[in-house]
Amino acid sequence: MTFNEGSQIDPGRASSGPGPGRGGKIALGGGAGGLIVLVLALLLGGDPGSMLGQFTGVEDAQQGTGETAGTPEHCRTGADANKYVDCRVVLTAQSLDSVWSAELPGQTGVAYTEPGIRLFTGGISTGCGYASSEVGPFYCPGDRTAYFDVGFFQELVDRFGASGGPLAQEYVVAHEVGHHIQNLLGDIGRAQQDPRGPESGAVRTELQADCYAGIWAHYADKTPAPGSDTPLLMPLADTDIKDALSAASAVGDDRIQEAATGRVNPEAWTHGASDQRQKWFLTGYRTGEVAACDTYSAGDLSNPAGLR
């Protein structure tokens, strides 16, 4: 999926660099880098928090000197988003804003408020404490911000075999904003009430975020940008959906466990199996309905109602 080249990137939509951390609330949606460490910790009996060095607030005082306001200067148009990954993250966020501004209140009666979007390199202090790039992209409920080190996208290709196509990257952004939708709907806390296992609240929360990413893809090439009659994104092709499914599969718990340890332990799952992540994305994509993404009521997470 590519952006219409004349689309305008909002210079104030994102920020970059480290920011002040307050600590306290856990973040959601850590990508493949952090997830593989988490899987190893759970399998080997370690402490995931200490192994990752994340979200504790302990290192906050040693990190950075503050954020840089505004979107990176080289990010101005859709042509830049088609060329540069950081620009793609920002314009994808704008597309998500357009879709969810229309669909969330229309389908649920809940008003949409934009999440913060922060680009960083190496490590960053957040409303959930300090996080390193090893965690991958994540959403912090404490400051309602999604964080992205764009180097993760190449790691997704090199280490985990995902497609390097644009929609594979845009899926990741849409997944993290999916956690913001859960926050707005009051569901995000279910992940910590039941933090791991094949039927756990954590897995159901991550699969729902995948489904919400699919809802975005359903509407993204149809919803006009604010003040325009034209969507930010060109029409999807089958190859675009394959790119998104490739990314969803690459960060499945079973696939990462198999690569890391040679075996699969469902009791340690936190994000769901590869096929589950693909199926829930497709459920959102095919239906476009928030109600179809009710993973918490699903009796069989491997057979979403939207695919029957």
C-alpha atoms as a PDB file:
ATOM      1  CA  MET A   1       0.000   0.000   0.000  1.00  0.00           C
ATOM      2  CA  THR A   2       1.413   3.355  -0.995  1.00  0.00           C
ATOM      3  CA  PHE A   3       0.327   6.874  -0.140  1.00  0.00           C
ATOM      4  CA  ASN A   4      -1.043   9.356  -2.618  1.00  0.00           C
ATOM      5  CA  GLU A   5       2.056  11.415  -3.356  1.00  0.00           C
ATOM      6  CA  GLY A   6       0.341  14.747  -2.893  1.00  0.00           C
ATOM      7  CA  SER A   7      -0.924  13.892   0.606  1.00  0.00           C
ATOM      8  CA  GLN A   8       0.263  16.353   3.231  1.00  0.00           C
ATOM      9  CA  ILE A   9       2.043  15.255   6.393  1.00  0.00           C
ATOM     10  CA  ASP A  10       1.030  17.186   9.502  1.00  0.00           C
ATOM     11  CA  PRO A  11       4.217  18.815  10.848  1.00  0.00           C
ATOM     12  CA  GLY A  12       2.864  18.620  14.387  1.00  0.00           C
ATOM     13  CA  ARG A  13       1.545  15.037  14.370  1.00  0.00           C
ATOM     14  CA  ALA A  14       4.640  13.361  15.838  1.00  0.00           C
ATOM     15  CA  SER A  15       7.597  14.105  18.080  1.00  0.00           C
ATOM     16  CA  SER A  16      11.009  12.529  18.370  1.00  0.00           C
ATOM     17  CA  GLY A  17      13.740  11.921  20.912  1.00  0.00           C
ATOM     18  CA  PRO A  18      13.662  11.065  24.618  1.00  0.00           C
ATOM     19  CA  GLY A  19      11.068  12.480  26.950  1.00  0.00           C
ATOM     20  CA  PRO A  20      10.376  12.553  30.688  1.00  0.00           C
ATOM     21  CA  GLY A  21       9.282   9.254  32.225  1.00  0.00           C
ATOM     22  CA  ARG A  22       6.895   8.920  35.110  1.00  0.00           C
ATOM     23  CA  GLY A  23       6.967   5.156  35.519  1.00  0.00           C
ATOM     24  CA  GLY A  24       4.211   2.981  36.823  1.00  0.00           C
ATOM     25  CA  LYS A  25       1.922   1.500  34.155  1.00  0.00           C
ATOM     26  CA  ILE A  26       2.965  -1.352  31.914  1.00  0.00           C
ATOM     27  CA  ALA A  27       3.153  -0.770  28.171  1.00  0.00           C
ATOM     28  CA  LEU A  28       1.634  -3.031  25.536  1.00  0.00           C
ATOM     29  CA  GLY A  29       2.548  -4.309  22.133  1.00  0.00           C
ATOM     30  CA  GLY A  30       6.309  -4.810  22.379  1.00  0.00           C
ATOM     31  CA  GLY A  31       7.604  -6.044  19.058  1.00  0.00           C
ATOM     32  CA  ALA A  32       9.718  -9.006  18.051  1.00  0.00           C
ATOM     33  CA  GLY A  33      12.939  -7.754  19.643  1.00  0.00           C
ATOM     34  CA  GLY A  34      11.517  -7.473  23.123  1.00  0.00           C
ATOM     35  CA  LEU A  35       9.115 -10.346  22.658  1.00  0.00           C
ATOM     36  CA  ILE A  36      11.851 -12.890  22.048  1.00  0.00           C
ATOM     37  CA  VAL A  37      13.578 -11.844  25.285  1.00  0.00           C
ATOM     38  CA  LEU A  38      10.267 -12.067  27.102  1.00  0.00           C
ATOM     39  CA  VAL A  39       9.624 -15.568  25.761  1.00  0.00           C
ATOM     40  CA  LEU A  40      13.062 -16.720  26.876  1.00  0.00           C
ATOM     41  CA  ALA A  41      12.539 -15.242  30.323  1.00  0.00           C
ATOM     42  CA  LEU A  42       9.237 -17.023  30.776  1.00  0.00           C
ATOM     43  CA  LEU A  43      10.622 -20.316  29.492  1.00  0.00           C
ATOM     44  CA  LEU A  44      13.765 -20.193  31.606  1.00  0.00           C
ATOM     45  CA  GLY A  45      12.225 -18.786  34.759  1.00  0.00           C
ATOM     46  CA  GLY A  46      13.789 -15.321  34.583  1.00  0.00           C
ATOM     47  CA  ASP A  47      12.298 -11.943  35.395  1.00  0.00           C
ATOM     48  CA  PRO A  48      11.142 -10.405  32.090  1.00  0.00           C
ATOM     49  CA  GLY A  49      11.151  -6.862  33.476  1.00  0.00           C
ATOM     50  CA  SER A  50      14.748  -6.986  34.642  1.00  0.00           C
ATOM     51  CA  MET A  51      15.947  -8.773  31.503  1.00  0.00           C
ATOM     52  CA  LEU A  52      14.412  -6.147  29.268  1.00  0.00           C
ATOM     53  CA  GLY A  53      15.338  -3.223  31.480  1.00  0.00           C
ATOM     54  CA  GLN A  54      12.000  -1.655  30.592  1.00  0.00           C
ATOM     55  CA  PHE A  55       9.103   0.227  32.144  1.00  0.00           C
ATOM     56  CA  THR A  56      10.562   0.397  35.649  1.00  0.00           C
ATOM     57  CA  GLY A  57      11.332   4.092  35.839  1.00  0.00           C
ATOM     58  CA  VAL A  58      14.697   3.262  37.473  1.00  0.00           C
ATOM     59  CA  GLU A  59      16.775   4.632  34.612  1.00  0.00           C
ATOM     60  CA  ASP A  60      14.611   7.649  33.848  1.00  0.00           C
ATOM     61  CA  ALA A  61      16.952  10.205  35.365  1.00  0.00           C
ATOM     62  CA  GLN A  62      19.838   8.979  33.222  1.00  0.00           C
ATOM     63  CA  GLN A  63      18.058   9.203  29.884  1.00  0.00           C
ATOM     64  CA  GLY A  64      17.916  11.984  27.332  1.00  0.00           C
ATOM     65  CA  THR A  65      17.285  15.675  27.610  1.00  0.00           C
ATOM     66  CA  GLY A  66      13.774  16.020  26.243  1.00  0.00           C
ATOM     67  CA  GLU A  67      11.741  15.526  23.103  1.00  0.00           C
ATOM     68  CA  THR A  68      11.961  17.402  19.814  1.00  0.00           C
ATOM     69  CA  ALA A  69       8.563  18.828  18.961  1.00  0.00           C
ATOM     70  CA  GLY A  70       7.152  18.143  15.541  1.00  0.00           C
ATOM     71  CA  THR A  71       7.403  15.653  12.717  1.00  0.00           C
ATOM     72  CA  PRO A  72      10.898  15.204  11.173  1.00  0.00           C
ATOM     73  CA  GLU A  73      11.552  18.048   8.732  1.00  0.00           C
ATOM     74  CA  HIS A  74      12.058  15.814   5.702  1.00  0.00           C
ATOM     75  CA  CYS A  75       8.529  14.413   6.112  1.00  0.00           C
ATOM     76  CA  ARG A  76       6.211  16.681   4.132  1.00  0.00           C
ATOM     77  CA  THR A  77       4.202  14.703   1.574  1.00  0.00           C
ATOM     78  CA  GLY A  78       2.953  11.269   0.659  1.00  0.00           C
ATOM     79  CA  ALA A  79       5.954  10.939  -1.645  1.00  0.00           C
ATOM     80  CA  ASP A  80       8.207  11.265   1.415  1.00  0.00           C
ATOM     81  CA  ALA A  81       6.131   8.629   3.246  1.00  0.00           C
ATOM     82  CA  ASN A  82       6.627   6.272   0.309  1.00  0.00           C
ATOM     83  CA  LYS A  83      10.385   6.830   0.534  1.00  0.00           C
ATOM     84  CA  TYR A  84      11.217   7.169   4.244  1.00  0.00           C
ATOM     85  CA  VAL A  85      10.054   4.821   7.002  1.00  0.00           C
ATOM     86  CA  ASP A  86       9.770   7.512   9.690  1.00  0.00           C
ATOM     87  CA  CYS A  87       7.547   9.584   7.406  1.00  0.00           C
ATOM     88  CA  ARG A  88       5.483   6.460   6.708  1.00  0.00           C
ATOM     89  CA  VAL A  89       4.859   5.989  10.426  1.00  0.00           C
ATOM     90  CA  VAL A  90       3.579   9.555  10.768  1.00  0.00           C
ATOM     91  CA  LEU A  91       1.302   9.502   7.718  1.00  0.00           C
ATOM     92  CA  THR A  92      -0.028   6.077   8.729  1.00  0.00           C
ATOM     93  CA  ALA A  93      -0.951   7.630  12.070  1.00  0.00           C
ATOM     94  CA  GLN A  94      -2.813  10.376  10.228  1.00  0.00           C
ATOM     95  CA  SER A  95      -4.677   7.750   8.201  1.00  0.00           C
ATOM     96  CA  LEU A  96      -5.574   5.946  11.413  1.00  0.00           C
ATOM     97  CA  ASP A  97      -6.844   9.225  12.848  1.00  0.00           C
ATOM     98  CA  SER A  98      -9.124   9.685   9.837  1.00  0.00           C
ATOM     99  CA  VAL A  99     -10.515   6.153  10.010  1.00  0.00           C
ATOM    100  CA  TRP A 100     -11.038   5.956  13.751  1.00  0.00           C
ATOM    101  CA  SER A 101     -12.465   9.482  14.002  1.00  0.00           C
ATOM    102  CA  ALA A 102     -15.305   8.233  11.814  1.00  0.00           C
ATOM    103  CA  GLU A 103     -15.637   4.615  12.865  1.00  0.00           C
ATOM    104  CA  LEU A 104     -15.153   4.635  16.642  1.00  0.00           C
ATOM    105  CA  PRO A 105     -17.995   7.020  17.539  1.00  0.00           C
ATOM    106  CA  GLY A 106     -20.159   5.646  14.746  1.00  0.00           C
ATOM    107  CA  GLN A 107     -19.807   2.051  15.877  1.00  0.00           C
ATOM    108  CA  THR A 108     -19.367   2.397  19.651  1.00  0.00           C
ATOM    109  CA  GLY A 109     -20.553   5.870  20.669  1.00  0.00           C
ATOM    110  CA  VAL A 110     -17.098   6.602  22.123  1.00  0.00           C
ATOM    111  CA  ALA A 111     -15.288   9.700  20.879  1.00  0.00           C
ATOM    112  CA  TYR A 112     -11.872   9.221  19.300  1.00  0.00           C
ATOM    113  CA  THR A 113      -8.920  11.196  20.638  1.00  0.00           C
ATOM    114  CA  GLU A 114      -5.584  11.011  18.873  1.00  0.00           C
ATOM    115  CA  PRO A 115      -2.736   9.098  20.531  1.00  0.00           C
ATOM    116  CA  GLY A 116       0.689  10.647  20.758  1.00  0.00           C
ATOM    117  CA  ILE A 117       3.219   9.377  18.209  1.00  0.00           C
ATOM    118  CA  ARG A 118       6.874   9.388  19.263  1.00  0.00           C
ATOM    119  CA  LEU A 119       9.863   8.383  17.134  1.00  0.00           C
ATOM    120  CA  PHE A 120      13.060   7.455  18.959  1.00  0.00           C
ATOM    121  CA  THR A 121      16.391   5.688  18.616  1.00  0.00           C
ATOM    122  CA  GLY A 122      18.138   3.542  21.210  1.00  0.00           C
ATOM    123  CA  GLY A 123      16.008   4.188  24.275  1.00  0.00           C
ATOM    124  CA  ILE A 124      13.369   6.516  25.629  1.00  0.00           C
ATOM    125  CA  SER A 125      11.684   7.587  28.846  1.00  0.00           C
ATOM    126  CA  THR A 126       7.904   7.301  28.764  1.00  0.00           C
ATOM    127  CA  GLY A 127       4.848   7.541  30.960  1.00  0.00           C
ATOM    128  CA  CYS A 128       5.410   3.824  31.597  1.00  0.00           C
ATOM    129  CA  GLY A 129       9.093   4.186  32.524  1.00  0.00           C
ATOM    130  CA  TYR A 130      12.240   3.680  30.471  1.00  0.00           C
ATOM    131  CA  ALA A 131      12.270   1.422  27.388  1.00  0.00           C
ATOM    132  CA  SER A 132      15.040   0.393  25.026  1.00  0.00           C
ATOM    133  CA  SER A 133      14.731  -0.277  21.314  1.00  0.00           C
ATOM    134  CA  GLU A 134      14.893  -3.999  22.056  1.00  0.00           C
ATOM    135  CA  VAL A 135      11.283  -3.853  23.169  1.00  0.00           C
ATOM    136  CA  GLY A 136      10.147  -2.968  19.664  1.00  0.00           C
ATOM    137  CA  PRO A 137       7.166  -0.663  18.987  1.00  0.00           C
ATOM    138  CA  PHE A 138       4.814  -0.275  21.954  1.00  0.00           C
ATOM    139  CA  TYR A 139       1.901   1.703  23.323  1.00  0.00           C
ATOM    140  CA  CYS A 140       1.977   3.282  26.782  1.00  0.00           C
ATOM    141  CA  PRO A 141      -1.461   3.789  28.386  1.00  0.00           C
ATOM    142  CA  GLY A 142       0.086   6.100  30.968  1.00  0.00           C
ATOM    143  CA  ASP A 143       0.743   8.858  28.437  1.00  0.00           C
ATOM    144  CA  ARG A 144      -1.513   7.567  25.635  1.00  0.00           C
ATOM    145  CA  THR A 145       1.424   7.469  23.228  1.00  0.00           C
ATOM    146  CA  ALA A 146       2.678   4.935  20.687  1.00  0.00           C
ATOM    147  CA  TYR A 147       6.479   4.682  20.430  1.00  0.00           C
ATOM    148  CA  PHE A 148       8.466   3.593  17.373  1.00  0.00           C
ATOM    149  CA  ASP A 149      12.150   3.005  16.730  1.00  0.00           C
ATOM    150  CA  VAL A 150      11.946   2.588  12.961  1.00  0.00           C
ATOM    151  CA  GLY A 151      15.003   0.310  12.975  1.00  0.00           C
ATOM    152  CA  PHE A 152      12.633  -2.388  14.215  1.00  0.00           C
ATOM    153  CA  PHE A 153      11.103  -2.761  10.780  1.00  0.00           C
ATOM    154  CA  GLN A 154      14.380  -3.951   9.268  1.00  0.00           C
ATOM    155  CA  GLU A 155      14.872  -6.313  12.207  1.00  0.00           C
ATOM    156  CA  LEU A 156      11.446  -7.754  11.460  1.00  0.00           C
ATOM    157  CA  VAL A 157      12.708  -8.652   7.992  1.00  0.00           C
ATOM    158  CA  ASP A 158      16.263  -9.742   8.843  1.00  0.00           C
ATOM    159  CA  ARG A 159      15.624 -11.735  12.027  1.00  0.00           C
ATOM    160  CA  PHE A 160      12.072 -12.942  11.612  1.00  0.00           C
ATOM    161  CA  GLY A 161      11.536 -13.195   7.874  1.00  0.00           C
ATOM    162  CA  ALA A 162       8.634 -10.777   7.528  1.00  0.00           C
ATOM    163  CA  SER A 163       7.937  -8.968   4.293  1.00  0.00           C
ATOM    164  CA  GLY A 164       9.568  -5.582   3.942  1.00  0.00           C
ATOM    165  CA  GLY A 165       6.537  -4.180   2.128  1.00  0.00           C
ATOM    166  CA  PRO A 166       4.882  -0.934   3.234  1.00  0.00           C
ATOM    167  CA  LEU A 167       1.730  -2.526   4.657  1.00  0.00           C
ATOM    168  CA  ALA A 168       3.842  -4.799   6.853  1.00  0.00           C
ATOM    169  CA  GLN A 169       5.170  -1.642   8.499  1.00  0.00           C
ATOM    170  CA  GLU A 170       1.823   0.135   8.496  1.00  0.00           C
ATOM    171  CA  TYR A 171       0.235  -2.913  10.164  1.00  0.00           C
ATOM    172  CA  VAL A 172       2.620  -2.458  13.102  1.00  0.00           C
ATOM    173  CA  VAL A 173       1.585   1.185  13.499  1.00  0.00           C
ATOM    174  CA  ALA A 174      -2.085   0.220  13.232  1.00  0.00           C
ATOM    175  CA  HIS A 175      -1.630  -2.509  15.864  1.00  0.00           C
ATOM    176  CA  GLU A 176      -0.158  -0.072  18.378  1.00  0.00           C
ATOM    177  CA  VAL A 177      -2.943   2.437  17.738  1.00  0.00           C
ATOM    178  CA  GLY A 178      -5.285  -0.533  18.215  1.00  0.00           C
ATOM    179  CA  HIS A 179      -4.091  -0.596  21.823  1.00  0.00           C
ATOM    180  CA  HIS A 180      -5.070   3.071  22.063  1.00  0.00           C
ATOM    181  CA  ILE A 181      -8.573   2.150  20.892  1.00  0.00           C
ATOM    182  CA  GLN A 182      -8.678  -0.462  23.662  1.00  0.00           C
ATOM    183  CA  ASN A 183      -7.631   2.221  26.127  1.00  0.00           C
ATOM    184  CA  LEU A 184     -10.441   4.506  24.972  1.00  0.00           C
ATOM    185  CA  LEU A 185     -12.951   1.659  25.263  1.00  0.00           C
ATOM    186  CA  GLY A 186     -11.734   0.684  28.742  1.00  0.00           C
ATOM    187  CA  ASP A 187     -10.463  -2.781  27.795  1.00  0.00           C
ATOM    188  CA  ILE A 188      -6.711  -2.431  27.956  1.00  0.00           C
ATOM    189  CA  GLY A 189      -6.407  -3.417  31.618  1.00  0.00           C
ATOM    190  CA  ARG A 190      -7.573  -6.957  30.875  1.00  0.00           C
ATOM    191  CA  ALA A 191      -4.092  -7.832  29.636  1.00  0.00           C
ATOM    192  CA  GLN A 192      -2.501  -7.427  33.074  1.00  0.00           C
ATOM    193  CA  GLN A 193      -5.280  -9.242  34.920  1.00  0.00           C
ATOM    194  CA  ASP A 194      -4.355 -12.437  33.081  1.00  0.00           C
ATOM    195  CA  PRO A 195      -0.846 -11.942  31.692  1.00  0.00           C
ATOM    196  CA  ARG A 196       0.067 -15.145  29.816  1.00  0.00           C
ATOM    197  CA  GLY A 197      -1.144 -18.418  28.392  1.00  0.00           C
ATOM    198  CA  PRO A 198      -2.936 -19.463  25.178  1.00  0.00           C
ATOM    199  CA  GLU A 199      -6.361 -18.239  26.395  1.00  0.00           C
ATOM    200  CA  SER A 200      -5.071 -15.377  28.543  1.00  0.00           C
ATOM    201  CA  GLY A 201      -6.262 -11.812  28.682  1.00  0.00           C
ATOM    202  CA  ALA A 202      -2.870 -10.732  27.352  1.00  0.00           C
ATOM    203  CA  VAL A 203      -3.236 -12.862  24.225  1.00  0.00           C
ATOM    204  CA  ARG A 204      -6.841 -11.746  23.722  1.00  0.00           C
ATOM    205  CA  THR A 205      -5.757  -8.112  24.056  1.00  0.00           C
ATOM    206  CA  GLU A 206      -3.019  -8.482  21.440  1.00  0.00           C
ATOM    207  CA  LEU A 207      -5.266 -10.361  19.016  1.00  0.00           C
ATOM    208  CA  GLN A 208      -7.912  -7.672  19.366  1.00  0.00           C
ATOM    209  CA  ALA A 209      -5.309  -5.035  18.479  1.00  0.00           C
ATOM    210  CA  ASP A 210      -4.530  -7.105  15.370  1.00  0.00           C
ATOM    211  CA  CYS A 211      -8.239  -7.109  14.530  1.00  0.00           C
ATOM    212  CA  TYR A 212      -8.418  -3.343  14.991  1.00  0.00           C
ATOM    213  CA  ALA A 213      -5.447  -3.022  12.631  1.00  0.00           C
ATOM    214  CA  GLY A 214      -7.503  -4.968  10.104  1.00  0.00           C
ATOM    215  CA  ILE A 215     -10.420  -2.548  10.541  1.00  0.00           C
ATOM    216  CA  TRP A 216      -8.085   0.301   9.642  1.00  0.00           C
ATOM    217  CA  ALA A 217      -6.964  -1.556   6.511  1.00  0.00           C
ATOM    218  CA  HIS A 218     -10.631  -2.113   5.581  1.00  0.00           C
ATOM    219  CA  TYR A 219     -11.325   1.634   5.509  1.00  0.00           C
ATOM    220  CA  ALA A 220      -7.898   3.182   4.847  1.00  0.00           C
ATOM    221  CA  ASP A 221      -8.193   3.425   1.069  1.00  0.00           C
ATOM    222  CA  LYS A 222     -11.797   4.674   1.266  1.00  0.00           C
ATOM    223  CA  THR A 223     -11.765   7.314   4.044  1.00  0.00           C
ATOM    224  CA  PRO A 224     -10.890  10.818   2.805  1.00  0.00           C
ATOM    225  CA  ALA A 225      -8.239  12.830   4.575  1.00  0.00           C
ATOM    226  CA  PRO A 226      -9.554  15.827   6.547  1.00  0.00           C
ATOM    227  CA  GLY A 227     -10.386  18.694   4.190  1.00  0.00           C
ATOM    228  CA  SER A 228      -9.995  16.473   1.127  1.00  0.00           C
ATOM    229  CA  ASP A 229     -12.057  14.168  -1.066  1.00  0.00           C
ATOM    230  CA  THR A 230      -9.108  11.803  -1.473  1.00  0.00           C
ATOM    231  CA  PRO A 231      -7.923   9.087   0.935  1.00  0.00           C
ATOM    232  CA  LEU A 232      -4.325   9.289   2.078  1.00  0.00           C
ATOM    233  CA  LEU A 233      -3.671   5.797   0.759  1.00  0.00           C
ATOM    234  CA  MET A 234      -3.960   4.202  -2.666  1.00  0.00           C
ATOM    235  CA  PRO A 235      -6.271   1.177  -3.069  1.00  0.00           C
ATOM    236  CA  LEU A 236      -5.028  -2.039  -1.495  1.00  0.00           C
ATOM    237  CA  ALA A 237      -3.810  -4.933  -3.608  1.00  0.00           C
ATOM    238  CA  ASP A 238      -3.590  -8.595  -2.622  1.00  0.00           C
ATOM    239  CA  THR A 239       0.154  -8.167  -2.205  1.00  0.00           C
ATOM    240  CA  ASP A 240      -0.456  -5.490   0.439  1.00  0.00           C
ATOM    241  CA  ILE A 241      -2.574  -7.848   2.531  1.00  0.00           C
ATOM    242  CA  LYS A 242       0.064 -10.558   2.169  1.00  0.00           C
ATOM    243  CA  ASP A 243       2.637  -8.079   3.511  1.00  0.00           C
ATOM    244  CA  ALA A 244       0.501  -7.397   6.594  1.00  0.00           C
ATOM    245  CA  LEU A 245      -0.117 -11.109   7.167  1.00  0.00           C
ATOM    246  CA  SER A 246       3.604 -11.751   6.876  1.00  0.00           C
ATOM    247  CA  ALA A 247       4.314  -9.253   9.658  1.00  0.00           C
ATOM    248  CA  ALA A 248       1.530 -10.663  11.841  1.00  0.00           C
ATOM    249  CA  SER A 249       2.902 -14.169  11.418  1.00  0.00           C
ATOM    250  CA  ALA A 250       6.489 -13.115  12.119  1.00  0.00           C
ATOM    251  CA  VAL A 251       5.625 -11.900  15.627  1.00  0.00           C
ATOM    252  CA  GLY A 252       3.542 -14.914  16.633  1.00  0.00           C
ATOM    253  CA  ASP A 253       4.584 -16.437  19.971  1.00  0.00           C
ATOM    254  CA  ASP A 254       4.909 -19.938  18.525  1.00  0.00           C
ATOM    255  CA  ARG A 255       7.178 -18.825  15.703  1.00  0.00           C
ATOM    256  CA  ILE A 256       9.448 -16.822  17.995  1.00  0.00           C
ATOM    257  CA  GLN A 257       9.624 -19.606  20.578  1.00  0.00           C
ATOM    258  CA  GLU A 258      10.498 -22.167  17.917  1.00  0.00           C
ATOM    259  CA  ALA A 259      13.285 -19.952  16.579  1.00  0.00           C
ATOM    260  CA  ALA A 260      14.642 -19.153  20.041  1.00  0.00           C
ATOM    261  CA  THR A 261      14.411 -22.520  21.802  1.00  0.00           C
ATOM    262  CA  GLY A 262      13.396 -25.159  19.279  1.00  0.00           C
ATOM    263  CA  ARG A 263      10.103 -25.831  21.049  1.00  0.00           C
ATOM    264  CA  VAL A 264       6.717 -24.217  21.618  1.00  0.00           C
ATOM    265  CA  ASN A 265       5.258 -23.568  25.078  1.00  0.00           C
ATOM    266  CA  PRO A 266       1.732 -22.127  24.842  1.00  0.00           C
ATOM    267  CA  GLU A 267       1.610 -21.467  28.589  1.00  0.00           C
ATOM    268  CA  ALA A 268       4.178 -18.701  28.051  1.00  0.00           C
ATOM    269  CA  TRP A 269       2.282 -16.986  25.245  1.00  0.00           C
ATOM    270  CA  THR A 270       1.571 -13.271  25.551  1.00  0.00           C
ATOM    271  CA  HIS A 271       0.639 -12.268  21.981  1.00  0.00           C
ATOM    272  CA  GLY A 272      -0.909 -15.322  20.311  1.00  0.00           C
ATOM    273  CA  ALA A 273       0.130 -17.835  17.664  1.00  0.00           C
ATOM    274  CA  SER A 274       1.067 -16.802  14.129  1.00  0.00           C
ATOM    275  CA  ASP A 275      -2.092 -18.176  12.549  1.00  0.00           C
ATOM    276  CA  GLN A 276      -4.256 -16.530  15.213  1.00  0.00           C
ATOM    277  CA  ARG A 277      -2.680 -13.137  14.606  1.00  0.00           C
ATOM    278  CA  GLN A 278      -3.268 -13.481  10.875  1.00  0.00           C
ATOM    279  CA  LYS A 279      -6.868 -14.612  11.296  1.00  0.00           C
ATOM    280  CA  TRP A 280      -7.839 -11.795  13.643  1.00  0.00           C
ATOM    281  CA  PHE A 281      -6.281  -9.216  11.325  1.00  0.00           C
ATOM    282  CA  LEU A 282      -8.330 -10.692   8.488  1.00  0.00           C
ATOM    283  CA  THR A 283     -11.470 -10.595  10.625  1.00  0.00           C
ATOM    284  CA  GLY A 284     -11.115  -6.850  11.062  1.00  0.00           C
ATOM    285  CA  TYR A 285     -10.161  -6.359   7.432  1.00  0.00           C
ATOM    286  CA  ARG A 286     -13.065  -8.332   6.005  1.00  0.00           C
ATOM    287  CA  THR A 287     -15.788  -7.029   8.324  1.00  0.00           C
ATOM    288  CA  GLY A 288     -14.712  -3.498   9.245  1.00  0.00           C
ATOM    289  CA  GLU A 289     -16.695  -4.009  12.454  1.00  0.00           C
ATOM    290  CA  VAL A 290     -15.514  -3.322  16.006  1.00  0.00           C
ATOM    291  CA  ALA A 291     -18.055  -5.863  17.291  1.00  0.00           C
ATOM    292  CA  ALA A 292     -16.366  -8.608  15.246  1.00  0.00           C
ATOM    293  CA  CYS A 293     -13.150  -8.016  17.209  1.00  0.00           C
ATOM    294  CA  ASP A 294     -14.518  -9.186  20.572  1.00  0.00           C
ATOM    295  CA  THR A 295     -11.670 -11.577  21.360  1.00  0.00           C
ATOM    296  CA  TYR A 296     -12.621 -11.587  25.057  1.00  0.00           C
ATOM    297  CA  SER A 297     -15.856 -13.444  24.316  1.00  0.00           C
ATOM    298  CA  ALA A 298     -14.415 -15.737  21.652  1.00  0.00           C
ATOM    299  CA  GLY A 299     -14.631 -19.389  22.585  1.00  0.00           C
ATOM    300  CA  ASP A 300     -12.014 -20.443  20.038  1.00  0.00           C
ATOM    301  CA  LEU A 301      -9.317 -17.867  19.324  1.00  0.00           C
ATOM    302  CA  SER A 302      -8.197 -19.818  16.263  1.00  0.00           C
ATOM    303  CA  ASN A 303     -11.621 -19.466  14.597  1.00  0.00           C
ATOM    304  CA  PRO A 304     -12.843 -15.855  14.701  1.00  0.00           C
ATOM    305  CA  ALA A 305     -16.526 -15.399  13.908  1.00  0.00           C
ATOM    306  CA  GLY A 306     -15.681 -12.959  11.138  1.00  0.00           C
ATOM    307  CA  LEU A 307     -14.007 -15.733   9.121  1.00  0.00           C
ATOM    308  CA  ARG A 308     -16.813 -18.291   9.330  1.00  0.00           C
END
